[in-house]
Amino acid sequence: GWCGGGIYFATSAEATKTKAIGPDSHKGFLLEATVDVGLVKFMPVTCDRGLTGQKVQSEGYDSVSFDPGDGQEYIIYSNSRILSVKQIPM
């Protein structure tokens, strides 16, 4: 991903329509998650493909956020920050 190997979240179900754009996108289901993003580092539109959880934490942050041009995304680097998940029919 644009911000390295993390778990990426959109801020709404509607926003995922422009974010999941691969050839097999929009064929499965949506996951609604409650996520503890902690202290967020806001990045420019290009983000940093070299980011890792360790790098983000060494700078005092828990997660990253950026807007690639189609809406804000939040990235976490540890699944322990996911507090709950439920499947939403599409």
N, C-alpha and C. Protein backbone atom coordinates (compact mmCIF):
# COMPACT_ATOMS: atom_id res chain seq x y z
N GLY A 1 0.81 -1.20 0.00
CA GLY A 1 0.00 0.00 0.00
C GLY A 1 0.85 1.26 0.00
N TRP A 2 0.20 2.37 -0.18
CA TRP A 2 0.87 3.67 -0.22
C TRP A 2 1.63 3.97 1.06
N CYS A 3 1.18 3.42 2.18
CA CYS A 3 1.80 3.70 3.48
C CYS A 3 2.45 2.44 4.06
N GLY A 4 2.96 1.58 3.19
CA GLY A 4 3.62 0.37 3.65
C GLY A 4 2.64 -0.76 3.92
N GLY A 5 3.15 -1.81 4.50
CA GLY A 5 2.36 -3.00 4.77
C GLY A 5 1.57 -2.88 6.05
N GLY A 6 0.36 -2.40 5.94
CA GLY A 6 -0.50 -2.24 7.11
C GLY A 6 -1.91 -2.69 6.79
N ILE A 7 -2.81 -2.43 7.70
CA ILE A 7 -4.23 -2.74 7.53
C ILE A 7 -4.92 -1.40 7.28
N TYR A 8 -5.54 -1.27 6.12
CA TYR A 8 -6.09 0.01 5.66
C TYR A 8 -7.60 0.06 5.88
N PHE A 9 -8.05 1.24 6.33
CA PHE A 9 -9.48 1.45 6.59
C PHE A 9 -9.95 2.73 5.93
N ALA A 10 -11.13 2.67 5.31
CA ALA A 10 -11.83 3.86 4.83
C ALA A 10 -12.72 4.34 5.98
N THR A 11 -13.27 5.53 5.83
CA THR A 11 -14.09 6.08 6.92
C THR A 11 -15.58 5.80 6.75
N SER A 12 -15.98 5.23 5.61
CA SER A 12 -17.39 4.90 5.42
C SER A 12 -17.51 3.79 4.37
N ALA A 13 -18.66 3.13 4.35
CA ALA A 13 -18.90 2.11 3.34
C ALA A 13 -18.87 2.72 1.94
N GLU A 14 -19.43 3.89 1.78
CA GLU A 14 -19.46 4.58 0.49
C GLU A 14 -18.04 4.84 -0.03
N ALA A 15 -17.14 5.19 0.86
CA ALA A 15 -15.76 5.51 0.45
C ALA A 15 -15.03 4.31 -0.12
N THR A 16 -15.43 3.10 0.25
CA THR A 16 -14.73 1.92 -0.26
C THR A 16 -14.95 1.70 -1.75
N LYS A 17 -15.98 2.32 -2.31
CA LYS A 17 -16.29 2.11 -3.73
C LYS A 17 -15.19 2.66 -4.64
N THR A 18 -14.46 3.67 -4.18
CA THR A 18 -13.37 4.21 -5.00
C THR A 18 -12.02 3.69 -4.54
N LYS A 19 -11.98 2.98 -3.44
CA LYS A 19 -10.71 2.50 -2.90
C LYS A 19 -10.43 1.05 -3.28
N ALA A 20 -11.42 0.23 -3.27
CA ALA A 20 -11.26 -1.17 -3.65
C ALA A 20 -11.52 -1.27 -5.15
N ILE A 21 -10.45 -1.12 -5.95
CA ILE A 21 -10.65 -0.99 -7.39
C ILE A 21 -9.94 -2.06 -8.22
N GLY A 22 -9.52 -3.14 -7.57
CA GLY A 22 -8.89 -4.23 -8.30
C GLY A 22 -9.91 -5.00 -9.11
N PRO A 23 -9.46 -5.90 -9.99
CA PRO A 23 -10.38 -6.65 -10.85
C PRO A 23 -11.36 -7.54 -10.08
N ASP A 24 -11.00 -7.94 -8.87
CA ASP A 24 -11.89 -8.79 -8.07
C ASP A 24 -12.60 -8.02 -6.96
N SER A 25 -12.50 -6.71 -6.98
CA SER A 25 -13.14 -5.90 -5.94
C SER A 25 -14.66 -5.90 -6.11
N HIS A 26 -15.34 -5.59 -5.04
CA HIS A 26 -16.80 -5.46 -5.00
C HIS A 26 -17.51 -6.79 -5.26
N LYS A 27 -16.85 -7.90 -4.98
CA LYS A 27 -17.46 -9.21 -5.17
C LYS A 27 -17.66 -9.95 -3.86
N GLY A 28 -17.20 -9.40 -2.78
CA GLY A 28 -17.26 -10.11 -1.51
C GLY A 28 -18.21 -9.45 -0.54
N PHE A 29 -17.67 -9.02 0.56
CA PHE A 29 -18.48 -8.38 1.59
C PHE A 29 -17.66 -7.27 2.23
N LEU A 30 -18.35 -6.47 3.01
CA LEU A 30 -17.74 -5.34 3.69
C LEU A 30 -17.55 -5.70 5.15
N LEU A 31 -16.43 -5.29 5.71
CA LEU A 31 -16.20 -5.45 7.14
C LEU A 31 -16.30 -4.09 7.81
N GLU A 32 -17.14 -4.01 8.82
CA GLU A 32 -17.23 -2.80 9.63
C GLU A 32 -16.40 -3.05 10.88
N ALA A 33 -15.44 -2.17 11.14
CA ALA A 33 -14.53 -2.39 12.26
C ALA A 33 -14.50 -1.18 13.19
N THR A 34 -14.34 -1.46 14.45
CA THR A 34 -14.03 -0.43 15.43
C THR A 34 -12.54 -0.56 15.69
N VAL A 35 -11.82 0.54 15.47
CA VAL A 35 -10.36 0.51 15.52
C VAL A 35 -9.86 1.59 16.48
N ASP A 36 -8.93 1.23 17.32
CA ASP A 36 -8.26 2.20 18.18
C ASP A 36 -7.05 2.70 17.40
N VAL A 37 -7.18 3.89 16.79
CA VAL A 37 -6.08 4.42 15.98
C VAL A 37 -5.00 5.07 16.83
N GLY A 38 -5.29 5.33 18.10
CA GLY A 38 -4.29 5.94 18.97
C GLY A 38 -3.86 7.30 18.45
N LEU A 39 -2.57 7.60 18.57
CA LEU A 39 -2.02 8.86 18.08
C LEU A 39 -1.71 8.70 16.60
N VAL A 40 -2.34 9.54 15.78
CA VAL A 40 -2.28 9.41 14.32
C VAL A 40 -1.25 10.37 13.73
N LYS A 41 -0.42 9.84 12.86
CA LYS A 41 0.52 10.66 12.08
C LYS A 41 -0.13 10.94 10.73
N PHE A 42 -0.36 12.20 10.42
CA PHE A 42 -0.97 12.57 9.15
C PHE A 42 0.11 12.77 8.11
N MET A 43 -0.06 12.10 6.98
CA MET A 43 0.94 12.07 5.92
C MET A 43 0.42 12.79 4.68
N PRO A 44 1.35 13.22 3.78
CA PRO A 44 0.93 13.84 2.52
C PRO A 44 0.32 12.80 1.57
N VAL A 45 -0.19 13.27 0.47
CA VAL A 45 -0.91 12.43 -0.49
C VAL A 45 -0.10 11.23 -0.98
N THR A 46 1.20 11.32 -1.04
CA THR A 46 2.03 10.21 -1.51
C THR A 46 2.40 9.24 -0.39
N CYS A 47 2.15 9.62 0.85
CA CYS A 47 2.47 8.82 2.04
C CYS A 47 3.92 8.36 1.98
N ASP A 48 4.20 7.11 2.38
CA ASP A 48 5.57 6.57 2.39
C ASP A 48 5.46 5.06 2.34
N ARG A 49 5.75 4.47 1.20
CA ARG A 49 5.61 3.02 1.02
C ARG A 49 6.55 2.22 1.93
N GLY A 50 7.54 2.87 2.51
CA GLY A 50 8.49 2.19 3.38
C GLY A 50 8.08 2.17 4.85
N LEU A 51 6.91 2.69 5.18
CA LEU A 51 6.49 2.71 6.58
C LEU A 51 6.25 1.30 7.10
N THR A 52 6.58 1.11 8.36
CA THR A 52 6.30 -0.13 9.08
C THR A 52 5.75 0.26 10.45
N GLY A 53 5.18 -0.71 11.13
CA GLY A 53 4.70 -0.46 12.48
C GLY A 53 5.82 0.00 13.39
N GLN A 54 6.97 -0.60 13.25
CA GLN A 54 8.11 -0.24 14.09
C GLN A 54 8.55 1.20 13.82
N LYS A 55 8.60 1.58 12.57
CA LYS A 55 9.00 2.94 12.21
C LYS A 55 8.01 3.97 12.75
N VAL A 56 6.72 3.68 12.58
CA VAL A 56 5.67 4.58 13.06
C VAL A 56 5.75 4.72 14.58
N GLN A 57 5.90 3.61 15.28
CA GLN A 57 5.99 3.65 16.74
C GLN A 57 7.24 4.36 17.22
N SER A 58 8.35 4.22 16.50
CA SER A 58 9.59 4.88 16.91
C SER A 58 9.47 6.41 16.82
N GLU A 59 8.51 6.88 16.04
CA GLU A 59 8.25 8.31 15.93
C GLU A 59 7.17 8.77 16.91
N GLY A 60 6.68 7.84 17.74
CA GLY A 60 5.70 8.18 18.77
C GLY A 60 4.25 8.08 18.32
N TYR A 61 3.99 7.43 17.20
CA TYR A 61 2.62 7.31 16.69
C TYR A 61 2.15 5.86 16.73
N ASP A 62 0.82 5.71 16.65
CA ASP A 62 0.21 4.38 16.66
C ASP A 62 -0.35 4.00 15.30
N SER A 63 -0.63 4.99 14.47
CA SER A 63 -1.23 4.75 13.17
C SER A 63 -0.90 5.92 12.24
N VAL A 64 -1.31 5.77 10.99
CA VAL A 64 -1.05 6.78 9.97
C VAL A 64 -2.36 7.08 9.26
N SER A 65 -2.51 8.30 8.78
CA SER A 65 -3.66 8.66 7.96
C SER A 65 -3.18 9.49 6.79
N PHE A 66 -3.82 9.29 5.64
CA PHE A 66 -3.53 10.10 4.46
C PHE A 66 -4.73 10.09 3.55
N ASP A 67 -4.76 11.02 2.61
CA ASP A 67 -5.83 11.11 1.63
C ASP A 67 -5.20 11.05 0.24
N PRO A 68 -5.34 9.92 -0.46
CA PRO A 68 -4.74 9.78 -1.78
C PRO A 68 -5.51 10.52 -2.87
N GLY A 69 -6.52 11.27 -2.47
CA GLY A 69 -7.31 12.03 -3.44
C GLY A 69 -8.76 11.60 -3.51
N ASP A 70 -9.08 10.48 -2.89
CA ASP A 70 -10.47 10.00 -2.92
C ASP A 70 -11.02 9.76 -1.51
N GLY A 71 -10.47 10.45 -0.52
CA GLY A 71 -10.97 10.34 0.84
C GLY A 71 -9.93 9.81 1.81
N GLN A 72 -10.10 10.21 3.05
CA GLN A 72 -9.15 9.85 4.11
C GLN A 72 -9.10 8.35 4.34
N GLU A 73 -7.90 7.84 4.58
CA GLU A 73 -7.69 6.45 4.97
C GLU A 73 -6.89 6.42 6.26
N TYR A 74 -7.12 5.39 7.06
CA TYR A 74 -6.36 5.19 8.30
C TYR A 74 -5.67 3.84 8.20
N ILE A 75 -4.42 3.79 8.61
CA ILE A 75 -3.63 2.58 8.51
C ILE A 75 -3.09 2.23 9.89
N ILE A 76 -3.30 0.98 10.28
CA ILE A 76 -2.71 0.47 11.52
C ILE A 76 -1.74 -0.63 11.12
N TYR A 77 -0.81 -0.93 12.00
CA TYR A 77 0.23 -1.90 11.70
C TYR A 77 0.20 -3.09 12.65
N SER A 78 -0.82 -3.14 13.49
CA SER A 78 -1.00 -4.28 14.40
C SER A 78 -2.49 -4.59 14.50
N ASN A 79 -2.85 -5.85 14.30
CA ASN A 79 -4.27 -6.20 14.39
C ASN A 79 -4.81 -6.10 15.81
N SER A 80 -3.95 -5.92 16.80
CA SER A 80 -4.43 -5.74 18.18
C SER A 80 -5.17 -4.41 18.35
N ARG A 81 -5.04 -3.49 17.40
CA ARG A 81 -5.75 -2.21 17.46
C ARG A 81 -7.20 -2.34 16.97
N ILE A 82 -7.54 -3.49 16.39
CA ILE A 82 -8.92 -3.73 15.95
C ILE A 82 -9.71 -4.23 17.15
N LEU A 83 -10.70 -3.44 17.56
CA LEU A 83 -11.47 -3.77 18.76
C LEU A 83 -12.66 -4.68 18.46
N SER A 84 -13.27 -4.50 17.29
CA SER A 84 -14.39 -5.36 16.90
C SER A 84 -14.54 -5.31 15.37
N VAL A 85 -15.13 -6.39 14.85
CA VAL A 85 -15.38 -6.49 13.41
C VAL A 85 -16.70 -7.18 13.20
N LYS A 86 -17.48 -6.69 12.22
CA LYS A 86 -18.68 -7.41 11.82
C LYS A 86 -18.84 -7.33 10.32
N GLN A 87 -19.42 -8.37 9.76
CA GLN A 87 -19.62 -8.46 8.32
C GLN A 87 -20.91 -7.74 7.95
N ILE A 88 -20.84 -6.93 6.89
CA ILE A 88 -21.99 -6.18 6.41
C ILE A 88 -22.31 -6.69 5.00
N PRO A 89 -23.54 -7.13 4.75
CA PRO A 89 -23.90 -7.58 3.40
C PRO A 89 -23.79 -6.43 2.40
N MET A 90 -23.39 -6.75 1.18
CA MET A 90 -23.25 -5.70 0.15
C MET A 90 -24.48 -5.63 -0.70
